[in-house]
Amino acid sequence: MKIIVFGATGNTGKRVLVQGIKMGHEMTAYVRNAEKLYDQLGKHSAKHVKVIVDDMMDPVSIGEALAHQNAAIIAAGHAGQGEEFVRIVDTIISQCELEPSFSGRVWMMGGAGLLDIPYTDLIGNHLPGFPPEYKNHNRNYERLQQTGLDWSVMCPGTMMDSSEHSEPVHLHVTTETLPVPIPEAIKEYSEADIAGHLFNRFQELNVTYDDVARCMLDHIELGGAFKRKRVGLAYQNNITVHLEEGGA
């Protein structure tokens, strides 16, 4: 497939590029700084990547870059950038909608705070104590819901370079809901108590950048299981990988 990565020098984007090359995809990197990309990839990998250097908010350049691509992975920016982050995502999504030769498959990065909390009608980003900048992910998610594109939102917790486990673990993947067991009693908690419960369990949501990248690339085809879904990841001992359709 032909896959374009926006924000290809970031921690997630650079791993998507490397894994995509290994999987035999035709990878395009849309970046602000080509030298940084070449330093990260090394000469061998760089030979296998088409590099476009331009402004993340230039709609003309983004539209041209999307031409004839099968999928786009939006790993550019971060929630702390505020309005700039929202504009970057909106610009890219708008051009995905407008470019007639783009196939329509989009992955966007979000966060675990976008996922439904079982037994409640809440998501983490609405709870007291969650950083207010996380609500920028909510705005990007709302933008995706308005489009007819075949999109998915990756919603990991804290991402790490690597992980060490004392025993074999499996990557547990959910759609729409948090990927860790939640007690039914949580429905009786106040919002402050729910927030406290989740804060105490954040470490359970730690996953590696490589596993996040691999999950997106393993589900890069149009019309897959994650179409128009939020996706959560967590490690669990002695559990086989499976999908859940969300809900309690």
Protein backbone atom coordinates (compact mmCIF):
# COMPACT_ATOMS: atom_id res chain seq x y z
CA MET A 1 0.00 0.00 0.00
CA LYS A 2 0.93 3.64 -0.37
CA ILE A 3 0.93 5.22 3.09
CA ILE A 4 1.70 8.83 4.01
CA VAL A 5 2.78 9.73 7.54
CA PHE A 6 2.27 13.27 8.79
CA GLY A 7 4.68 14.08 11.60
CA ALA A 8 7.11 11.36 10.56
CA THR A 9 9.95 12.53 12.81
CA GLY A 10 7.94 12.16 16.01
CA ASN A 11 8.19 9.18 18.35
CA THR A 12 5.20 7.44 16.77
CA GLY A 13 5.64 8.60 13.19
CA LYS A 14 9.24 7.45 12.84
CA ARG A 15 8.32 3.97 14.06
CA VAL A 16 5.42 3.77 11.61
CA LEU A 17 7.86 4.58 8.81
CA VAL A 18 10.38 1.92 9.80
CA GLN A 19 7.79 -0.79 10.32
CA GLY A 20 5.95 0.17 7.14
CA ILE A 21 9.14 -0.22 5.13
CA LYS A 22 9.74 -3.67 6.64
CA MET A 23 6.18 -4.68 5.76
CA GLY A 24 6.74 -3.72 2.13
CA HIS A 25 4.56 -0.62 1.99
CA GLU A 26 5.42 2.44 -0.11
CA MET A 27 6.00 5.02 2.61
CA THR A 28 5.87 8.80 2.27
CA ALA A 29 7.02 11.10 5.07
CA TYR A 30 5.54 14.61 5.34
CA VAL A 31 7.84 16.58 7.62
CA ARG A 32 9.13 20.04 8.45
CA ASN A 33 12.75 18.92 8.85
CA ALA A 34 14.24 16.46 6.36
CA GLU A 35 17.67 16.32 8.01
CA LYS A 36 16.12 15.17 11.29
CA LEU A 37 14.28 12.42 9.42
CA TYR A 38 17.42 11.21 7.65
CA ASP A 39 19.34 11.16 10.95
CA GLN A 40 16.62 9.04 12.53
CA LEU A 41 16.15 6.58 9.68
CA GLY A 42 19.74 6.06 8.60
CA LYS A 43 20.85 5.84 4.99
CA HIS A 44 19.43 2.39 4.27
CA SER A 45 15.87 3.10 5.40
CA ALA A 46 15.88 6.62 3.99
CA LYS A 47 16.32 5.19 0.50
CA HIS A 48 12.91 3.54 0.80
CA VAL A 49 10.96 6.63 1.86
CA LYS A 50 9.61 9.47 -0.25
CA VAL A 51 10.13 12.68 1.70
CA ILE A 52 8.00 15.81 1.40
CA VAL A 53 9.18 18.88 3.32
CA ASP A 54 6.51 21.53 3.81
CA ASP A 55 4.19 23.33 6.20
CA MET A 56 1.72 21.13 8.09
CA MET A 57 -0.95 23.79 7.56
CA ASP A 58 -0.45 24.36 3.84
CA PRO A 59 -3.60 22.84 2.30
CA VAL A 60 -2.27 22.90 -1.26
CA SER A 61 0.91 21.02 -0.37
CA ILE A 62 -1.00 18.52 1.80
CA GLY A 63 -3.53 17.92 -0.94
CA GLU A 64 -0.78 17.25 -3.47
CA ALA A 65 0.98 14.91 -1.03
CA LEU A 66 -2.22 12.89 -0.54
CA ALA A 67 -2.70 12.27 -4.25
CA HIS A 68 -2.83 8.52 -5.02
CA GLN A 69 -2.13 7.54 -1.41
CA ASN A 70 -4.08 4.61 0.06
CA ALA A 71 -3.86 5.68 3.69
CA ALA A 72 -2.77 8.56 5.90
CA ILE A 73 -1.48 8.36 9.45
CA ILE A 74 -1.75 11.66 11.33
CA ALA A 75 0.98 11.69 13.98
CA ALA A 76 1.71 15.40 13.73
CA GLY A 77 1.48 17.81 16.63
CA HIS A 78 0.37 17.24 20.22
CA ALA A 79 -2.50 18.32 22.45
CA GLY A 80 -0.35 20.88 24.27
CA GLN A 81 -0.13 22.96 21.07
CA GLY A 82 -3.77 23.94 21.52
CA GLU A 83 -5.37 25.65 18.52
CA GLU A 84 -2.38 24.91 16.29
CA PHE A 85 -2.81 21.18 16.91
CA VAL A 86 -6.53 21.35 16.09
CA ARG A 87 -5.84 23.33 12.91
CA ILE A 88 -3.17 20.87 11.74
CA VAL A 89 -5.55 17.94 12.11
CA ASP A 90 -8.47 19.81 10.51
CA THR A 91 -6.32 20.85 7.55
CA ILE A 92 -5.14 17.31 6.89
CA ILE A 93 -8.61 15.78 7.26
CA SER A 94 -10.12 18.44 4.99
CA GLN A 95 -7.59 17.66 2.28
CA CYS A 96 -8.21 13.91 2.70
CA GLU A 97 -11.86 14.68 1.98
CA LEU A 98 -11.11 16.89 -1.02
CA GLU A 99 -8.40 14.89 -2.83
CA PRO A 100 -10.28 12.61 -5.27
CA SER A 101 -7.41 10.14 -5.74
CA PHE A 102 -6.93 9.53 -1.99
CA SER A 103 -8.47 6.22 -0.99
CA GLY A 104 -9.91 7.50 2.28
CA ARG A 105 -8.26 5.46 5.09
CA VAL A 106 -7.08 7.61 8.00
CA TRP A 107 -5.52 6.83 11.39
CA MET A 108 -5.33 9.68 13.89
CA MET A 109 -3.53 9.75 17.22
CA GLY A 110 -5.65 10.48 20.30
CA GLY A 111 -5.27 9.30 23.89
CA ALA A 112 -6.80 6.93 26.43
CA GLY A 113 -8.87 9.81 27.80
CA LEU A 114 -11.02 9.58 24.66
CA LEU A 115 -12.22 6.07 25.50
CA ASP A 116 -15.53 5.23 27.17
CA ILE A 117 -15.38 4.24 30.84
CA PRO A 118 -17.43 1.03 31.23
CA TYR A 119 -20.66 1.24 33.26
CA THR A 120 -20.74 5.04 32.85
CA ASP A 121 -21.53 7.56 30.14
CA LEU A 122 -18.17 9.28 30.68
CA ILE A 123 -14.77 9.50 29.04
CA GLY A 124 -11.61 10.37 30.92
CA ASN A 125 -11.12 13.74 29.26
CA HIS A 126 -14.36 14.99 30.80
CA LEU A 127 -13.32 14.13 34.37
CA PRO A 128 -11.99 16.60 36.94
CA GLY A 129 -8.22 16.61 37.20
CA PHE A 130 -7.54 15.56 33.61
CA PRO A 131 -5.31 18.10 31.84
CA PRO A 132 -7.55 20.59 30.00
CA GLU A 133 -5.36 20.41 26.88
CA TYR A 134 -6.51 16.80 26.41
CA LYS A 135 -9.84 18.23 25.28
CA ASN A 136 -8.11 19.11 22.02
CA HIS A 137 -8.25 15.38 21.27
CA ASN A 138 -12.01 15.58 21.79
CA ARG A 139 -12.23 18.34 19.18
CA ASN A 140 -10.21 16.32 16.67
CA TYR A 141 -12.39 13.28 17.32
CA GLU A 142 -15.53 15.37 16.77
CA ARG A 143 -14.04 16.56 13.46
CA LEU A 144 -13.55 12.97 12.34
CA GLN A 145 -17.13 12.08 13.22
CA GLN A 146 -18.29 14.71 10.72
CA THR A 147 -16.48 13.12 7.79
CA GLY A 148 -17.32 10.21 5.52
CA LEU A 149 -13.70 9.00 5.55
CA ASP A 150 -12.78 5.52 6.78
CA TRP A 151 -11.07 6.63 9.99
CA SER A 152 -9.79 5.18 13.26
CA VAL A 153 -8.44 6.92 16.37
CA MET A 154 -5.55 5.30 18.23
CA CYS A 155 -6.05 5.94 21.96
CA PRO A 156 -3.02 4.69 23.94
CA GLY A 157 -2.04 5.62 27.47
CA THR A 158 1.55 6.64 28.13
CA MET A 159 3.80 5.41 25.32
CA MET A 160 7.29 4.06 26.05
CA ASP A 161 10.38 3.21 24.06
CA SER A 162 10.29 -0.41 25.20
CA SER A 163 8.77 -2.61 27.88
CA GLU A 164 10.03 -5.41 30.07
CA HIS A 165 7.69 -8.06 31.42
CA SER A 166 8.55 -10.80 33.87
CA GLU A 167 6.24 -13.23 32.08
CA PRO A 168 4.65 -13.51 28.62
CA VAL A 169 2.04 -10.86 27.88
CA HIS A 170 -0.35 -10.22 25.05
CA LEU A 171 -1.55 -6.99 23.55
CA HIS A 172 -5.20 -6.57 24.45
CA VAL A 173 -7.10 -4.46 21.92
CA THR A 174 -10.52 -2.89 22.47
CA THR A 175 -12.76 -0.62 20.48
CA GLU A 176 -14.49 2.33 22.10
CA THR A 177 -13.81 1.38 25.74
CA LEU A 178 -10.81 1.37 28.07
CA PRO A 179 -8.76 -1.82 27.58
CA VAL A 180 -8.44 -2.64 31.31
CA PRO A 181 -10.97 -4.32 33.62
CA ILE A 182 -13.23 -1.81 35.35
CA PRO A 183 -15.39 -2.78 38.37
CA GLU A 184 -19.14 -2.43 37.88
CA ALA A 185 -19.27 -0.56 41.18
CA ILE A 186 -17.70 2.42 39.42
CA LYS A 187 -21.16 3.44 38.24
CA GLU A 188 -21.89 4.46 41.84
CA TYR A 189 -18.78 6.65 42.15
CA SER A 190 -18.70 10.43 41.90
CA GLU A 191 -16.81 11.86 38.94
CA ALA A 192 -13.97 12.85 41.26
CA ASP A 193 -13.74 9.29 42.62
CA ILE A 194 -13.81 7.84 39.09
CA ALA A 195 -10.95 10.16 38.16
CA GLY A 196 -9.00 9.06 41.24
CA HIS A 197 -9.57 5.40 40.41
CA LEU A 198 -8.23 5.91 36.89
CA PHE A 199 -5.25 8.01 38.02
CA ASN A 200 -4.21 5.13 40.30
CA ARG A 201 -4.29 2.72 37.35
CA PHE A 202 -2.61 4.74 34.62
CA GLN A 203 0.42 2.44 34.57
CA GLU A 204 -1.80 -0.38 33.30
CA LEU A 205 -2.27 1.60 30.10
CA ASN A 206 1.46 1.95 29.30
CA VAL A 207 2.30 0.57 25.85
CA THR A 208 5.27 0.88 23.54
CA TYR A 209 5.45 3.16 20.53
CA ASP A 210 6.31 0.11 18.41
CA ASP A 211 3.13 -1.73 19.39
CA VAL A 212 1.05 1.37 18.67
CA ALA A 213 2.65 1.67 15.22
CA ARG A 214 2.23 -2.03 14.51
CA CYS A 215 -1.45 -2.01 15.44
CA MET A 216 -2.17 0.83 13.04
CA LEU A 217 -0.26 -0.81 10.20
CA ASP A 218 -1.91 -4.18 10.84
CA HIS A 219 -5.28 -2.49 10.39
CA ILE A 220 -4.54 -0.12 7.52
CA GLU A 221 -6.95 -1.57 4.95
CA LEU A 222 -10.26 0.05 4.07
CA GLY A 223 -13.35 -1.34 5.77
CA GLY A 224 -11.55 -3.16 8.58
CA ALA A 225 -12.63 -4.00 12.12
CA PHE A 226 -11.65 -0.54 13.38
CA LYS A 227 -13.57 1.53 10.82
CA ARG A 228 -14.89 4.68 12.53
CA LYS A 229 -13.75 3.39 15.94
CA ARG A 230 -11.62 4.52 18.86
CA VAL A 231 -8.98 1.89 19.66
CA GLY A 232 -7.47 1.14 23.07
CA LEU A 233 -4.39 -0.96 23.88
CA ALA A 234 -3.05 -2.56 27.06
CA TYR A 235 -0.86 -5.49 28.03
CA GLN A 236 -2.45 -8.40 29.84
CA ASN A 237 -0.97 -11.63 31.12
CA ASN A 238 -2.17 -14.91 29.63
CA ILE A 239 -4.87 -13.34 27.49
CA THR A 240 -5.08 -13.93 23.76
CA VAL A 241 -5.48 -10.95 21.48
CA HIS A 242 -9.12 -10.22 20.74
CA LEU A 243 -11.43 -7.39 19.81
CA GLU A 244 -14.35 -6.09 21.78
CA GLU A 245 -17.14 -4.02 20.33
CA GLY A 246 -17.26 -1.76 23.35
CA GLY A 247 -19.79 -1.28 26.09
CA ALA A 248 -20.19 -2.97 29.42
